[in-house]
Amino acid sequence: MTEKKKDVRSRSWAMVVYPESAPKNWREMLDDTRIAWVESPLHDKDVNPDQTIKKPHWHVILMYGSKKSYSQVLEITEMLHAPIPQKIQNVEGGCKM
């Protein structure tokens, strides 16, 4: 009996973009990819469990027309100097990163 391989691809991916490391034109760069995306307001008051302030950042969700692999999405996050992308199960129901 062959084991069914888990699909690690997704149509929706999330990432965090930091103003200090992202290219100044990161939004235009994302637009140029023709990938649908949304951006949160700047999070500049979030705190860590030890009560230190987190670095300012935006949450960005990428929404593809078909499923994409981690390595395909990693090309985008690397272009923006963003940390590792996270697969989202359900954009409509919200997401946790």
N, C-alpha and C. Protein backbone atom coordinates (compact mmCIF):
# COMPACT_ATOMS: atom_id res chain seq x y z
N MET A 1 0.84 -1.19 0.00
CA MET A 1 0.00 0.00 0.00
C MET A 1 0.89 1.25 0.00
N THR A 2 0.64 2.14 -0.93
CA THR A 2 1.42 3.38 -0.98
C THR A 2 0.81 4.42 -0.08
N GLU A 3 1.67 5.19 0.55
CA GLU A 3 1.23 6.24 1.45
C GLU A 3 0.89 7.48 0.63
N LYS A 4 -0.28 8.08 0.91
CA LYS A 4 -0.68 9.29 0.19
C LYS A 4 0.18 10.46 0.68
N LYS A 5 0.77 11.18 -0.27
CA LYS A 5 1.62 12.31 0.05
C LYS A 5 0.77 13.53 0.39
N LYS A 6 1.10 14.20 1.48
CA LYS A 6 0.38 15.41 1.88
C LYS A 6 0.72 16.55 0.91
N ASP A 7 -0.30 17.26 0.47
CA ASP A 7 -0.10 18.39 -0.44
C ASP A 7 0.40 19.58 0.36
N VAL A 8 1.62 19.99 0.11
CA VAL A 8 2.21 21.11 0.84
C VAL A 8 2.08 22.42 0.05
N ARG A 9 1.31 22.38 -1.01
CA ARG A 9 1.07 23.58 -1.80
C ARG A 9 -0.19 24.27 -1.29
N SER A 10 -0.31 25.55 -1.60
CA SER A 10 -1.49 26.30 -1.19
C SER A 10 -1.71 27.46 -2.15
N ARG A 11 -2.94 27.93 -2.20
CA ARG A 11 -3.24 29.12 -3.01
C ARG A 11 -3.00 30.40 -2.22
N SER A 12 -2.93 30.29 -0.89
CA SER A 12 -2.78 31.47 -0.04
C SER A 12 -1.58 31.32 0.88
N TRP A 13 -0.75 32.35 0.92
CA TRP A 13 0.46 32.35 1.73
C TRP A 13 0.57 33.69 2.46
N ALA A 14 1.14 33.65 3.65
CA ALA A 14 1.33 34.87 4.44
C ALA A 14 2.81 35.08 4.68
N MET A 15 3.17 36.34 4.86
CA MET A 15 4.55 36.69 5.20
C MET A 15 4.53 37.98 6.01
N VAL A 16 5.65 38.28 6.61
CA VAL A 16 5.82 39.51 7.38
C VAL A 16 6.88 40.34 6.65
N VAL A 17 6.58 41.61 6.44
CA VAL A 17 7.51 42.52 5.77
C VAL A 17 7.93 43.58 6.79
N TYR A 18 9.24 43.75 6.93
CA TYR A 18 9.80 44.73 7.87
C TYR A 18 10.26 45.97 7.12
N PRO A 19 9.82 47.16 7.55
CA PRO A 19 10.26 48.39 6.88
C PRO A 19 11.78 48.54 6.84
N GLU A 20 12.46 48.07 7.87
CA GLU A 20 13.91 48.25 7.94
C GLU A 20 14.69 47.43 6.92
N SER A 21 14.09 46.33 6.42
CA SER A 21 14.85 45.49 5.49
C SER A 21 14.22 45.37 4.11
N ALA A 22 12.97 45.74 3.96
CA ALA A 22 12.31 45.63 2.66
C ALA A 22 12.81 46.72 1.71
N PRO A 23 12.86 46.41 0.43
CA PRO A 23 13.20 47.46 -0.54
C PRO A 23 12.16 48.59 -0.45
N LYS A 24 12.57 49.81 -0.70
CA LYS A 24 11.65 50.95 -0.60
C LYS A 24 10.43 50.80 -1.51
N ASN A 25 10.63 50.14 -2.64
CA ASN A 25 9.54 49.96 -3.61
C ASN A 25 8.92 48.56 -3.54
N TRP A 26 8.88 47.96 -2.35
CA TRP A 26 8.42 46.58 -2.23
C TRP A 26 6.98 46.39 -2.71
N ARG A 27 6.13 47.38 -2.53
CA ARG A 27 4.74 47.26 -3.00
C ARG A 27 4.68 47.20 -4.53
N GLU A 28 5.45 48.04 -5.18
CA GLU A 28 5.51 48.03 -6.64
C GLU A 28 6.09 46.70 -7.14
N MET A 29 7.08 46.19 -6.42
CA MET A 29 7.66 44.90 -6.79
C MET A 29 6.61 43.79 -6.71
N LEU A 30 5.79 43.82 -5.67
CA LEU A 30 4.72 42.83 -5.54
C LEU A 30 3.69 43.02 -6.65
N ASP A 31 3.32 44.25 -6.93
CA ASP A 31 2.37 44.52 -8.01
C ASP A 31 2.88 43.97 -9.34
N ASP A 32 4.17 44.11 -9.58
CA ASP A 32 4.77 43.64 -10.83
C ASP A 32 4.68 42.13 -11.00
N THR A 33 4.50 41.38 -9.90
CA THR A 33 4.40 39.92 -10.00
C THR A 33 3.02 39.49 -10.49
N ARG A 34 2.05 40.39 -10.45
CA ARG A 34 0.66 40.12 -10.85
C ARG A 34 -0.02 39.13 -9.89
N ILE A 35 0.50 38.99 -8.69
CA ILE A 35 -0.11 38.16 -7.66
C ILE A 35 -1.04 39.06 -6.86
N ALA A 36 -2.26 38.59 -6.57
CA ALA A 36 -3.16 39.36 -5.72
C ALA A 36 -2.61 39.33 -4.29
N TRP A 37 -2.63 40.50 -3.63
CA TRP A 37 -2.09 40.55 -2.28
C TRP A 37 -2.80 41.64 -1.47
N VAL A 38 -2.77 41.47 -0.15
CA VAL A 38 -3.30 42.46 0.77
C VAL A 38 -2.27 42.70 1.86
N GLU A 39 -2.32 43.88 2.40
CA GLU A 39 -1.34 44.32 3.42
C GLU A 39 -2.09 44.83 4.64
N SER A 40 -1.61 44.47 5.81
CA SER A 40 -2.19 44.99 7.06
C SER A 40 -1.68 46.40 7.30
N PRO A 41 -2.32 47.11 8.22
CA PRO A 41 -1.71 48.36 8.69
C PRO A 41 -0.36 48.04 9.35
N LEU A 42 0.50 49.01 9.45
CA LEU A 42 1.80 48.81 10.09
C LEU A 42 1.59 48.44 11.56
N HIS A 43 2.17 47.32 11.97
CA HIS A 43 2.13 46.89 13.37
C HIS A 43 3.39 47.44 14.03
N ASP A 44 3.23 48.50 14.82
CA ASP A 44 4.40 49.11 15.45
C ASP A 44 4.26 49.21 16.97
N LYS A 45 3.25 48.49 17.50
CA LYS A 45 3.05 48.50 18.94
C LYS A 45 2.92 47.08 19.52
N ASP A 46 3.19 46.06 18.70
CA ASP A 46 3.11 44.67 19.17
C ASP A 46 4.22 44.40 20.18
N VAL A 47 3.92 43.55 21.16
CA VAL A 47 4.92 43.21 22.18
C VAL A 47 5.18 41.71 22.21
N ASN A 48 6.41 41.36 22.54
CA ASN A 48 6.82 39.98 22.72
C ASN A 48 6.35 39.50 24.09
N PRO A 49 6.40 38.18 24.33
CA PRO A 49 6.03 37.66 25.65
C PRO A 49 6.82 38.29 26.80
N ASP A 50 8.06 38.71 26.54
CA ASP A 50 8.88 39.33 27.60
C ASP A 50 8.63 40.84 27.71
N GLN A 51 7.58 41.32 27.03
CA GLN A 51 7.14 42.72 27.06
C GLN A 51 8.03 43.69 26.28
N THR A 52 9.00 43.20 25.53
CA THR A 52 9.77 44.07 24.65
C THR A 52 8.95 44.33 23.39
N ILE A 53 9.16 45.47 22.79
CA ILE A 53 8.42 45.85 21.58
C ILE A 53 8.97 45.08 20.38
N LYS A 54 8.07 44.51 19.59
CA LYS A 54 8.48 43.84 18.35
C LYS A 54 8.87 44.89 17.32
N LYS A 55 9.70 44.48 16.36
CA LYS A 55 10.06 45.38 15.27
C LYS A 55 8.79 45.73 14.48
N PRO A 56 8.68 46.98 14.01
CA PRO A 56 7.54 47.34 13.16
C PRO A 56 7.48 46.41 11.94
N HIS A 57 6.27 46.03 11.54
CA HIS A 57 6.11 45.11 10.42
C HIS A 57 4.69 45.18 9.85
N TRP A 58 4.56 44.69 8.63
CA TRP A 58 3.27 44.51 7.99
C TRP A 58 3.05 43.02 7.80
N HIS A 59 1.81 42.57 7.91
CA HIS A 59 1.44 41.22 7.51
C HIS A 59 0.93 41.33 6.08
N VAL A 60 1.41 40.44 5.22
CA VAL A 60 1.01 40.45 3.82
C VAL A 60 0.51 39.06 3.46
N ILE A 61 -0.63 39.01 2.79
CA ILE A 61 -1.17 37.75 2.30
C ILE A 61 -1.10 37.76 0.78
N LEU A 62 -0.52 36.69 0.23
CA LEU A 62 -0.45 36.49 -1.22
C LEU A 62 -1.55 35.51 -1.60
N MET A 63 -2.32 35.83 -2.64
CA MET A 63 -3.43 34.98 -3.07
C MET A 63 -3.25 34.61 -4.54
N TYR A 64 -2.89 33.38 -4.77
CA TYR A 64 -2.61 32.88 -6.11
C TYR A 64 -3.87 32.27 -6.74
N GLY A 65 -3.90 32.21 -8.06
CA GLY A 65 -5.01 31.59 -8.77
C GLY A 65 -4.96 30.07 -8.75
N SER A 66 -3.78 29.52 -8.48
CA SER A 66 -3.62 28.07 -8.37
C SER A 66 -2.64 27.80 -7.23
N LYS A 67 -2.57 26.55 -6.82
CA LYS A 67 -1.69 26.21 -5.71
C LYS A 67 -0.22 26.42 -6.08
N LYS A 68 0.53 26.95 -5.12
CA LYS A 68 1.96 27.20 -5.30
C LYS A 68 2.73 26.49 -4.19
N SER A 69 3.91 26.05 -4.53
CA SER A 69 4.76 25.37 -3.56
C SER A 69 5.51 26.38 -2.70
N TYR A 70 6.02 25.89 -1.61
CA TYR A 70 6.82 26.72 -0.70
C TYR A 70 7.98 27.36 -1.47
N SER A 71 8.67 26.60 -2.30
CA SER A 71 9.83 27.15 -3.01
C SER A 71 9.42 28.24 -4.00
N GLN A 72 8.24 28.13 -4.59
CA GLN A 72 7.77 29.18 -5.50
C GLN A 72 7.49 30.48 -4.74
N VAL A 73 6.90 30.35 -3.57
CA VAL A 73 6.58 31.53 -2.76
C VAL A 73 7.84 32.11 -2.13
N LEU A 74 8.79 31.26 -1.81
CA LEU A 74 10.04 31.71 -1.22
C LEU A 74 10.77 32.69 -2.14
N GLU A 75 10.63 32.52 -3.44
CA GLU A 75 11.23 33.46 -4.39
C GLU A 75 10.71 34.88 -4.15
N ILE A 76 9.43 35.00 -3.85
CA ILE A 76 8.82 36.31 -3.60
C ILE A 76 9.32 36.88 -2.28
N THR A 77 9.29 36.06 -1.22
CA THR A 77 9.70 36.57 0.10
C THR A 77 11.18 36.95 0.09
N GLU A 78 12.00 36.20 -0.60
CA GLU A 78 13.42 36.56 -0.68
C GLU A 78 13.62 37.87 -1.42
N MET A 79 12.82 38.11 -2.44
CA MET A 79 12.89 39.36 -3.21
C MET A 79 12.61 40.56 -2.30
N LEU A 80 11.73 40.35 -1.31
CA LEU A 80 11.34 41.44 -0.41
C LEU A 80 12.11 41.42 0.91
N HIS A 81 13.07 40.52 1.02
CA HIS A 81 13.85 40.35 2.25
C HIS A 81 12.94 40.07 3.44
N ALA A 82 11.91 39.27 3.20
CA ALA A 82 10.94 38.92 4.23
C ALA A 82 11.26 37.52 4.78
N PRO A 83 10.88 37.26 6.04
CA PRO A 83 11.10 35.93 6.60
C PRO A 83 10.29 34.85 5.88
N ILE A 84 10.43 33.66 6.34
CA ILE A 84 9.84 32.46 5.75
C ILE A 84 8.32 32.59 5.57
N PRO A 85 7.81 32.28 4.36
CA PRO A 85 6.36 32.34 4.14
C PRO A 85 5.63 31.23 4.89
N GLN A 86 4.39 31.51 5.25
CA GLN A 86 3.56 30.55 5.96
C GLN A 86 2.32 30.24 5.13
N LYS A 87 2.02 28.96 4.99
CA LYS A 87 0.84 28.52 4.25
C LYS A 87 -0.41 28.88 5.05
N ILE A 88 -1.44 29.38 4.36
CA ILE A 88 -2.73 29.72 4.98
C ILE A 88 -3.76 28.72 4.48
N GLN A 89 -4.54 28.18 5.40
CA GLN A 89 -5.58 27.23 5.02
C GLN A 89 -6.83 27.91 4.46
N ASN A 90 -7.24 29.03 5.09
CA ASN A 90 -8.50 29.64 4.74
C ASN A 90 -8.41 31.16 4.92
N VAL A 91 -8.27 31.90 3.85
CA VAL A 91 -8.16 33.35 3.93
C VAL A 91 -9.46 33.96 4.46
N GLU A 92 -10.60 33.47 4.01
CA GLU A 92 -11.88 34.03 4.43
C GLU A 92 -12.11 33.88 5.92
N GLY A 93 -11.63 32.79 6.51
CA GLY A 93 -11.84 32.53 7.93
C GLY A 93 -10.76 33.17 8.81
N GLY A 94 -9.87 33.89 8.20
CA GLY A 94 -8.78 34.51 8.95
C GLY A 94 -7.55 33.63 8.91
N CYS A 95 -6.47 34.13 9.44
CA CYS A 95 -5.24 33.35 9.45
C CYS A 95 -4.46 33.64 10.71
N LYS A 96 -3.66 32.70 11.08
CA LYS A 96 -2.75 32.85 12.21
C LYS A 96 -1.36 32.61 11.71
N MET A 97 -0.46 33.51 12.06
CA MET A 97 0.94 33.35 11.63
C MET A 97 1.79 33.14 12.86
